[in-house]
Amino acid sequence: MEIIKLPLEYGDELFDSRFRLVLVTAQRARQLTEGSPVLVKKRYVKNLTLALDEAIEGKLKYLTGEEAKKARDYEYRMRRERMARESMEEAAAASLEKMEDIKLAYKAETAAIADIAAADAIDEAIEGEEEGTEEAGEDI
């Protein structure tokens, strides 16, 4: 049976209201979704249920007042920086792929030019031999 379907029992020393419990649990579930390690024995599959279990067992600490505002601002800045870094990494990877494509196209084009130059040289050599045999035939 899921923990959410059971009546929740927690001490007043953990949370001053159910609303605070919901806020702390929701934020922790988001952290778990982003890859944070689980703080309790993993008995459940869903991140929200795991976060609620952590909160009821007293594994989570929360801030209130001015400290909470500073922490929220810090977390927001860190999330924005991470997202910017990830998008820059994706752009760099795309740029590298594009450069590799350009290199391959350049190599193919130079190989084609070299083939054309070799074919022209062969044609010139053949034409030179034909002219040489024609001149030798006229001298006779």
N, C-alpha and C. Protein backbone atom coordinates (compact mmCIF):
# COMPACT_ATOMS: atom_id res chain seq x y z
N MET A 1 0.85 -1.18 0.00
CA MET A 1 0.00 0.00 0.00
C MET A 1 0.89 1.25 0.00
N GLU A 2 0.57 2.22 -0.81
CA GLU A 2 1.36 3.44 -0.92
C GLU A 2 1.24 4.26 0.36
N ILE A 3 2.31 4.97 0.70
CA ILE A 3 2.32 5.79 1.90
C ILE A 3 1.31 6.93 1.81
N ILE A 4 1.04 7.43 0.63
CA ILE A 4 0.14 8.56 0.46
C ILE A 4 -1.30 8.17 0.80
N LYS A 5 -1.65 6.92 0.64
CA LYS A 5 -3.00 6.47 0.93
C LYS A 5 -3.24 6.26 2.42
N LEU A 6 -2.16 6.22 3.19
CA LEU A 6 -2.28 6.06 4.64
C LEU A 6 -2.43 7.43 5.30
N PRO A 7 -3.05 7.49 6.45
CA PRO A 7 -3.07 8.78 7.16
C PRO A 7 -1.64 9.09 7.63
N LEU A 8 -1.22 10.32 7.40
CA LEU A 8 0.14 10.71 7.74
C LEU A 8 0.23 11.11 9.20
N GLU A 9 1.23 10.57 9.87
CA GLU A 9 1.46 10.93 11.26
C GLU A 9 2.86 11.48 11.37
N TYR A 10 2.96 12.70 11.84
CA TYR A 10 4.26 13.32 12.03
C TYR A 10 4.16 14.22 13.25
N GLY A 11 5.27 14.42 13.89
CA GLY A 11 5.28 15.24 15.09
C GLY A 11 5.29 16.72 14.76
N ASP A 12 4.79 17.52 15.69
CA ASP A 12 4.77 18.97 15.50
C ASP A 12 6.18 19.54 15.46
N GLU A 13 7.15 18.80 15.98
CA GLU A 13 8.53 19.29 15.95
C GLU A 13 9.12 19.24 14.54
N LEU A 14 8.57 18.39 13.66
CA LEU A 14 9.07 18.30 12.29
C LEU A 14 8.53 19.42 11.42
N PHE A 15 7.21 19.58 11.41
CA PHE A 15 6.57 20.56 10.53
C PHE A 15 5.50 21.29 11.31
N ASP A 16 5.42 22.60 11.10
CA ASP A 16 4.43 23.39 11.83
C ASP A 16 3.04 23.33 11.19
N SER A 17 2.95 22.82 9.93
CA SER A 17 1.66 22.68 9.27
C SER A 17 1.76 21.67 8.14
N ARG A 18 0.62 21.20 7.68
CA ARG A 18 0.60 20.30 6.53
C ARG A 18 1.06 21.02 5.27
N PHE A 19 0.76 22.31 5.20
CA PHE A 19 1.17 23.11 4.04
C PHE A 19 2.70 23.10 3.92
N ARG A 20 3.41 23.29 5.03
CA ARG A 20 4.88 23.26 5.01
C ARG A 20 5.36 21.87 4.59
N LEU A 21 4.71 20.83 5.08
CA LEU A 21 5.06 19.46 4.69
C LEU A 21 4.93 19.28 3.19
N VAL A 22 3.86 19.80 2.61
CA VAL A 22 3.64 19.68 1.17
C VAL A 22 4.72 20.45 0.40
N LEU A 23 5.05 21.66 0.84
CA LEU A 23 6.07 22.46 0.15
C LEU A 23 7.44 21.79 0.20
N VAL A 24 7.82 21.33 1.38
CA VAL A 24 9.13 20.68 1.54
C VAL A 24 9.18 19.40 0.71
N THR A 25 8.11 18.63 0.74
CA THR A 25 8.07 17.37 -0.01
C THR A 25 8.13 17.63 -1.52
N ALA A 26 7.41 18.63 -1.99
CA ALA A 26 7.42 18.93 -3.43
C ALA A 26 8.81 19.36 -3.88
N GLN A 27 9.46 20.19 -3.08
CA GLN A 27 10.81 20.64 -3.46
C GLN A 27 11.79 19.46 -3.44
N ARG A 28 11.67 18.60 -2.46
CA ARG A 28 12.55 17.44 -2.39
C ARG A 28 12.30 16.48 -3.55
N ALA A 29 11.03 16.31 -3.94
CA ALA A 29 10.71 15.44 -5.07
C ALA A 29 11.36 15.99 -6.34
N ARG A 30 11.37 17.31 -6.50
CA ARG A 30 12.03 17.92 -7.67
C ARG A 30 13.53 17.62 -7.63
N GLN A 31 14.13 17.71 -6.45
CA GLN A 31 15.56 17.42 -6.32
C GLN A 31 15.84 15.95 -6.67
N LEU A 32 14.98 15.06 -6.21
CA LEU A 32 15.17 13.64 -6.52
C LEU A 32 15.05 13.40 -8.02
N THR A 33 14.12 14.09 -8.65
CA THR A 33 13.95 13.97 -10.10
C THR A 33 15.19 14.44 -10.84
N GLU A 34 15.86 15.46 -10.30
CA GLU A 34 17.07 15.99 -10.93
C GLU A 34 18.31 15.16 -10.61
N GLY A 35 18.15 14.11 -9.78
CA GLY A 35 19.27 13.20 -9.56
C GLY A 35 19.88 13.21 -8.18
N SER A 36 19.30 13.90 -7.22
CA SER A 36 19.84 13.89 -5.86
C SER A 36 19.72 12.49 -5.26
N PRO A 37 20.66 12.12 -4.38
CA PRO A 37 20.60 10.79 -3.78
C PRO A 37 19.45 10.68 -2.77
N VAL A 38 18.90 9.48 -2.63
CA VAL A 38 17.81 9.21 -1.70
C VAL A 38 18.39 9.09 -0.30
N LEU A 39 17.72 9.69 0.70
CA LEU A 39 18.24 9.72 2.07
C LEU A 39 17.69 8.60 2.96
N VAL A 40 16.72 7.86 2.48
CA VAL A 40 16.13 6.77 3.26
C VAL A 40 16.23 5.48 2.47
N LYS A 41 15.93 4.38 3.14
CA LYS A 41 15.89 3.10 2.45
C LYS A 41 14.82 3.18 1.37
N LYS A 42 15.18 2.81 0.16
CA LYS A 42 14.30 2.98 -0.99
C LYS A 42 13.23 1.90 -0.98
N ARG A 43 12.06 2.25 -0.43
CA ARG A 43 10.95 1.32 -0.37
C ARG A 43 9.91 1.62 -1.44
N TYR A 44 10.03 2.77 -2.06
CA TYR A 44 9.03 3.21 -3.03
C TYR A 44 9.69 3.54 -4.36
N VAL A 45 8.88 3.63 -5.40
CA VAL A 45 9.39 3.87 -6.74
C VAL A 45 9.30 5.34 -7.12
N LYS A 46 8.21 5.98 -6.76
CA LYS A 46 7.97 7.35 -7.19
C LYS A 46 8.73 8.35 -6.31
N ASN A 47 9.25 9.37 -6.96
CA ASN A 47 10.05 10.37 -6.26
C ASN A 47 9.23 11.13 -5.22
N LEU A 48 7.98 11.41 -5.51
CA LEU A 48 7.14 12.13 -4.55
C LEU A 48 6.94 11.32 -3.29
N THR A 49 6.71 10.03 -3.43
CA THR A 49 6.52 9.16 -2.27
C THR A 49 7.82 9.03 -1.49
N LEU A 50 8.94 8.93 -2.19
CA LEU A 50 10.24 8.89 -1.50
C LEU A 50 10.48 10.18 -0.73
N ALA A 51 10.17 11.32 -1.34
CA ALA A 51 10.36 12.61 -0.67
C ALA A 51 9.48 12.72 0.56
N LEU A 52 8.24 12.27 0.47
CA LEU A 52 7.35 12.30 1.62
C LEU A 52 7.86 11.40 2.73
N ASP A 53 8.38 10.24 2.38
CA ASP A 53 8.96 9.32 3.36
C ASP A 53 10.15 9.98 4.05
N GLU A 54 11.01 10.64 3.27
CA GLU A 54 12.16 11.33 3.86
C GLU A 54 11.70 12.43 4.82
N ALA A 55 10.67 13.17 4.44
CA ALA A 55 10.19 14.26 5.28
C ALA A 55 9.62 13.73 6.60
N ILE A 56 8.82 12.68 6.53
CA ILE A 56 8.20 12.14 7.75
C ILE A 56 9.24 11.53 8.67
N GLU A 57 10.30 10.95 8.11
CA GLU A 57 11.36 10.37 8.94
C GLU A 57 12.31 11.42 9.49
N GLY A 58 12.10 12.68 9.14
CA GLY A 58 12.92 13.76 9.68
C GLY A 58 14.28 13.90 9.03
N LYS A 59 14.44 13.41 7.82
CA LYS A 59 15.72 13.47 7.12
C LYS A 59 15.93 14.81 6.40
N LEU A 60 14.86 15.59 6.27
CA LEU A 60 14.96 16.85 5.53
C LEU A 60 14.98 18.04 6.49
N LYS A 61 15.78 19.01 6.17
CA LYS A 61 15.83 20.27 6.91
C LYS A 61 15.27 21.35 5.99
N TYR A 62 14.58 22.31 6.55
CA TYR A 62 14.05 23.39 5.74
C TYR A 62 14.31 24.72 6.42
N LEU A 63 14.32 25.76 5.62
CA LEU A 63 14.58 27.11 6.10
C LEU A 63 13.30 27.92 6.03
N THR A 64 13.21 28.93 6.88
CA THR A 64 12.07 29.85 6.85
C THR A 64 12.58 31.28 6.89
N GLY A 65 11.74 32.19 6.52
CA GLY A 65 12.07 33.61 6.61
C GLY A 65 13.13 34.05 5.61
N GLU A 66 14.01 34.93 6.09
CA GLU A 66 15.04 35.52 5.23
C GLU A 66 16.03 34.47 4.71
N GLU A 67 16.34 33.48 5.54
CA GLU A 67 17.24 32.41 5.09
C GLU A 67 16.64 31.65 3.91
N ALA A 68 15.34 31.42 3.95
CA ALA A 68 14.66 30.71 2.87
C ALA A 68 14.71 31.52 1.58
N LYS A 69 14.54 32.83 1.67
CA LYS A 69 14.60 33.68 0.48
C LYS A 69 15.99 33.64 -0.14
N LYS A 70 17.02 33.73 0.69
CA LYS A 70 18.40 33.68 0.18
C LYS A 70 18.68 32.33 -0.47
N ALA A 71 18.25 31.27 0.18
CA ALA A 71 18.48 29.92 -0.36
C ALA A 71 17.73 29.74 -1.68
N ARG A 72 16.49 30.24 -1.76
CA ARG A 72 15.71 30.13 -2.99
C ARG A 72 16.37 30.90 -4.12
N ASP A 73 16.86 32.11 -3.83
CA ASP A 73 17.56 32.90 -4.84
C ASP A 73 18.83 32.20 -5.31
N TYR A 74 19.57 31.63 -4.36
CA TYR A 74 20.79 30.90 -4.70
C TYR A 74 20.47 29.69 -5.59
N GLU A 75 19.44 28.94 -5.20
CA GLU A 75 19.06 27.76 -5.99
C GLU A 75 18.62 28.17 -7.39
N TYR A 76 17.89 29.28 -7.50
CA TYR A 76 17.43 29.77 -8.80
C TYR A 76 18.63 30.14 -9.67
N ARG A 77 19.61 30.84 -9.10
CA ARG A 77 20.83 31.20 -9.85
C ARG A 77 21.59 29.97 -10.29
N MET A 78 21.73 29.01 -9.41
CA MET A 78 22.46 27.78 -9.75
C MET A 78 21.75 27.02 -10.86
N ARG A 79 20.43 26.94 -10.81
CA ARG A 79 19.67 26.24 -11.84
C ARG A 79 19.82 26.95 -13.19
N ARG A 80 19.77 28.29 -13.17
CA ARG A 80 19.94 29.05 -14.42
C ARG A 80 21.34 28.86 -14.98
N GLU A 81 22.36 28.88 -14.10
CA GLU A 81 23.73 28.67 -14.56
C GLU A 81 23.91 27.27 -15.15
N ARG A 82 23.31 26.26 -14.49
CA ARG A 82 23.41 24.89 -15.00
C ARG A 82 22.74 24.77 -16.36
N MET A 83 21.57 25.38 -16.49
CA MET A 83 20.87 25.32 -17.77
C MET A 83 21.66 26.05 -18.86
N ALA A 84 22.27 27.19 -18.52
CA ALA A 84 23.08 27.92 -19.49
C ALA A 84 24.30 27.09 -19.89
N ARG A 85 24.94 26.46 -18.92
CA ARG A 85 26.12 25.63 -19.19
C ARG A 85 25.74 24.46 -20.08
N GLU A 86 24.60 23.82 -19.79
CA GLU A 86 24.16 22.69 -20.60
C GLU A 86 23.85 23.12 -22.03
N SER A 87 23.22 24.28 -22.19
CA SER A 87 22.90 24.73 -23.54
C SER A 87 24.18 25.11 -24.29
N MET A 88 25.17 25.66 -23.58
CA MET A 88 26.45 25.97 -24.23
C MET A 88 27.16 24.69 -24.64
N GLU A 89 27.10 23.67 -23.81
CA GLU A 89 27.73 22.39 -24.14
C GLU A 89 27.05 21.76 -25.36
N GLU A 90 25.71 21.86 -25.41
CA GLU A 90 24.99 21.33 -26.57
C GLU A 90 25.37 22.08 -27.83
N ALA A 91 25.49 23.42 -27.72
CA ALA A 91 25.87 24.23 -28.88
C ALA A 91 27.28 23.90 -29.33
N ALA A 92 28.19 23.68 -28.37
CA ALA A 92 29.56 23.33 -28.72
C ALA A 92 29.61 21.97 -29.40
N ALA A 93 28.82 21.03 -28.90
CA ALA A 93 28.79 19.70 -29.52
C ALA A 93 28.24 19.79 -30.94
N ALA A 94 27.20 20.59 -31.13
CA ALA A 94 26.64 20.76 -32.47
C ALA A 94 27.66 21.43 -33.39
N SER A 95 28.40 22.39 -32.84
CA SER A 95 29.42 23.07 -33.63
C SER A 95 30.53 22.10 -34.04
N LEU A 96 30.94 21.23 -33.12
CA LEU A 96 31.96 20.23 -33.45
C LEU A 96 31.48 19.28 -34.53
N GLU A 97 30.22 18.87 -34.44
CA GLU A 97 29.67 17.99 -35.47
C GLU A 97 29.67 18.69 -36.82
N LYS A 98 29.32 19.97 -36.82
CA LYS A 98 29.30 20.73 -38.06
C LYS A 98 30.72 20.85 -38.64
N MET A 99 31.71 21.07 -37.76
CA MET A 99 33.09 21.17 -38.21
C MET A 99 33.56 19.85 -38.81
N GLU A 100 33.16 18.74 -38.21
CA GLU A 100 33.52 17.43 -38.74
C GLU A 100 32.90 17.23 -40.13
N ASP A 101 31.65 17.66 -40.28
CA ASP A 101 31.00 17.57 -41.59
C ASP A 101 31.73 18.40 -42.62
N ILE A 102 32.16 19.59 -42.22
CA ILE A 102 32.90 20.47 -43.14
C ILE A 102 34.23 19.83 -43.52
N LYS A 103 34.93 19.23 -42.55
CA LYS A 103 36.20 18.56 -42.83
C LYS A 103 36.00 17.43 -43.84
N LEU A 104 34.97 16.62 -43.61
CA LEU A 104 34.70 15.51 -44.53
C LEU A 104 34.38 16.03 -45.93
N ALA A 105 33.58 17.08 -46.02
CA ALA A 105 33.26 17.66 -47.33
C ALA A 105 34.52 18.21 -48.00
N TYR A 106 35.39 18.85 -47.21
CA TYR A 106 36.64 19.39 -47.75
C TYR A 106 37.53 18.26 -48.28
N LYS A 107 37.64 17.17 -47.49
CA LYS A 107 38.45 16.03 -47.93
C LYS A 107 37.89 15.42 -49.21
N ALA A 108 36.58 15.29 -49.27
CA ALA A 108 35.96 14.72 -50.47
C ALA A 108 36.19 15.63 -51.67
N GLU A 109 36.10 16.94 -51.45
CA GLU A 109 36.31 17.89 -52.55
C GLU A 109 37.76 17.87 -53.01
N THR A 110 38.71 17.84 -52.08
CA THR A 110 40.12 17.78 -52.48
C THR A 110 40.44 16.48 -53.18
N ALA A 111 39.85 15.39 -52.74
CA ALA A 111 40.07 14.11 -53.41
C ALA A 111 39.51 14.15 -54.82
N ALA A 112 38.35 14.77 -54.99
CA ALA A 112 37.76 14.88 -56.32
C ALA A 112 38.62 15.76 -57.22
N ILE A 113 39.15 16.85 -56.67
CA ILE A 113 40.03 17.74 -57.46
C ILE A 113 41.30 17.01 -57.85
N ALA A 114 41.85 16.23 -56.91
CA ALA A 114 43.06 15.46 -57.20
C ALA A 114 42.79 14.42 -58.29
N ASP A 115 41.63 13.78 -58.24
CA ASP A 115 41.25 12.81 -59.27
C ASP A 115 41.13 13.48 -60.63
N ILE A 116 40.52 14.67 -60.65
CA ILE A 116 40.38 15.41 -61.91
C ILE A 116 41.75 15.80 -62.45
N ALA A 117 42.62 16.27 -61.57
CA ALA A 117 43.97 16.67 -61.99
C ALA A 117 44.73 15.46 -62.53
N ALA A 118 44.59 14.31 -61.88
CA ALA A 118 45.27 13.11 -62.35
C ALA A 118 44.72 12.68 -63.71
N ALA A 119 43.40 12.77 -63.87
CA ALA A 119 42.79 12.40 -65.15
C ALA A 119 43.25 13.35 -66.25
N ASP A 120 43.36 14.65 -65.95
CA ASP A 120 43.85 15.63 -66.92
C ASP A 120 45.30 15.32 -67.31
N ALA A 121 46.11 14.96 -66.31
CA ALA A 121 47.51 14.64 -66.60
C ALA A 121 47.61 13.41 -67.49
N ILE A 122 46.78 12.43 -67.24
CA ILE A 122 46.78 11.21 -68.08
C ILE A 122 46.35 11.57 -69.50
N ASP A 123 45.28 12.40 -69.61
CA ASP A 123 44.82 12.82 -70.94
C ASP A 123 45.92 13.57 -71.68
N GLU A 124 46.61 14.46 -70.98
CA GLU A 124 47.70 15.22 -71.62
C GLU A 124 48.82 14.28 -72.06
N ALA A 125 49.13 13.30 -71.23
CA ALA A 125 50.18 12.35 -71.59
C ALA A 125 49.79 11.54 -72.81
N ILE A 126 48.54 11.12 -72.86
CA ILE A 126 48.06 10.35 -74.01
C ILE A 126 48.09 11.21 -75.27
N GLU A 127 47.62 12.47 -75.14
CA GLU A 127 47.64 13.39 -76.28
C GLU A 127 49.07 13.65 -76.74
N GLY A 128 49.99 13.77 -75.78
CA GLY A 128 51.40 13.98 -76.12
C GLY A 128 51.98 12.79 -76.85
N GLU A 129 51.61 11.58 -76.45
CA GLU A 129 52.10 10.38 -77.12
C GLU A 129 51.52 10.30 -78.54
N GLU A 130 50.22 10.64 -78.68
CA GLU A 130 49.60 10.60 -80.00
C GLU A 130 50.25 11.61 -80.94
N GLU A 131 50.53 12.80 -80.43
CA GLU A 131 51.19 13.82 -81.24
C GLU A 131 52.60 13.38 -81.61
N GLY A 132 53.27 12.72 -80.65
CA GLY A 132 54.62 12.22 -80.91
C GLY A 132 54.62 11.15 -81.98
N THR A 133 53.65 10.26 -81.99
CA THR A 133 53.59 9.21 -83.01
C THR A 133 53.17 9.78 -84.35
N GLU A 134 52.34 10.83 -84.37
CA GLU A 134 51.95 11.46 -85.63
C GLU A 134 53.16 12.16 -86.26
N GLU A 135 53.94 12.85 -85.44
CA GLU A 135 55.14 13.53 -85.96
C GLU A 135 56.17 12.53 -86.44
N ALA A 136 56.28 11.41 -85.74
CA ALA A 136 57.23 10.38 -86.16
C ALA A 136 56.78 9.76 -87.48
N GLY A 137 55.47 9.62 -87.68
CA GLY A 137 54.95 9.07 -88.93
C GLY A 137 55.17 10.01 -90.09
N GLU A 138 55.16 11.33 -89.88
CA GLU A 138 55.36 12.32 -90.93
C GLU A 138 56.83 12.35 -91.35
N ASP A 139 57.72 12.09 -90.42
CA ASP A 139 59.15 12.14 -90.72
C ASP A 139 59.54 10.98 -91.62
N ILE A 140 58.86 9.95 -91.61
CA ILE A 140 59.24 8.76 -92.37
C ILE A 140 59.00 8.95 -93.80
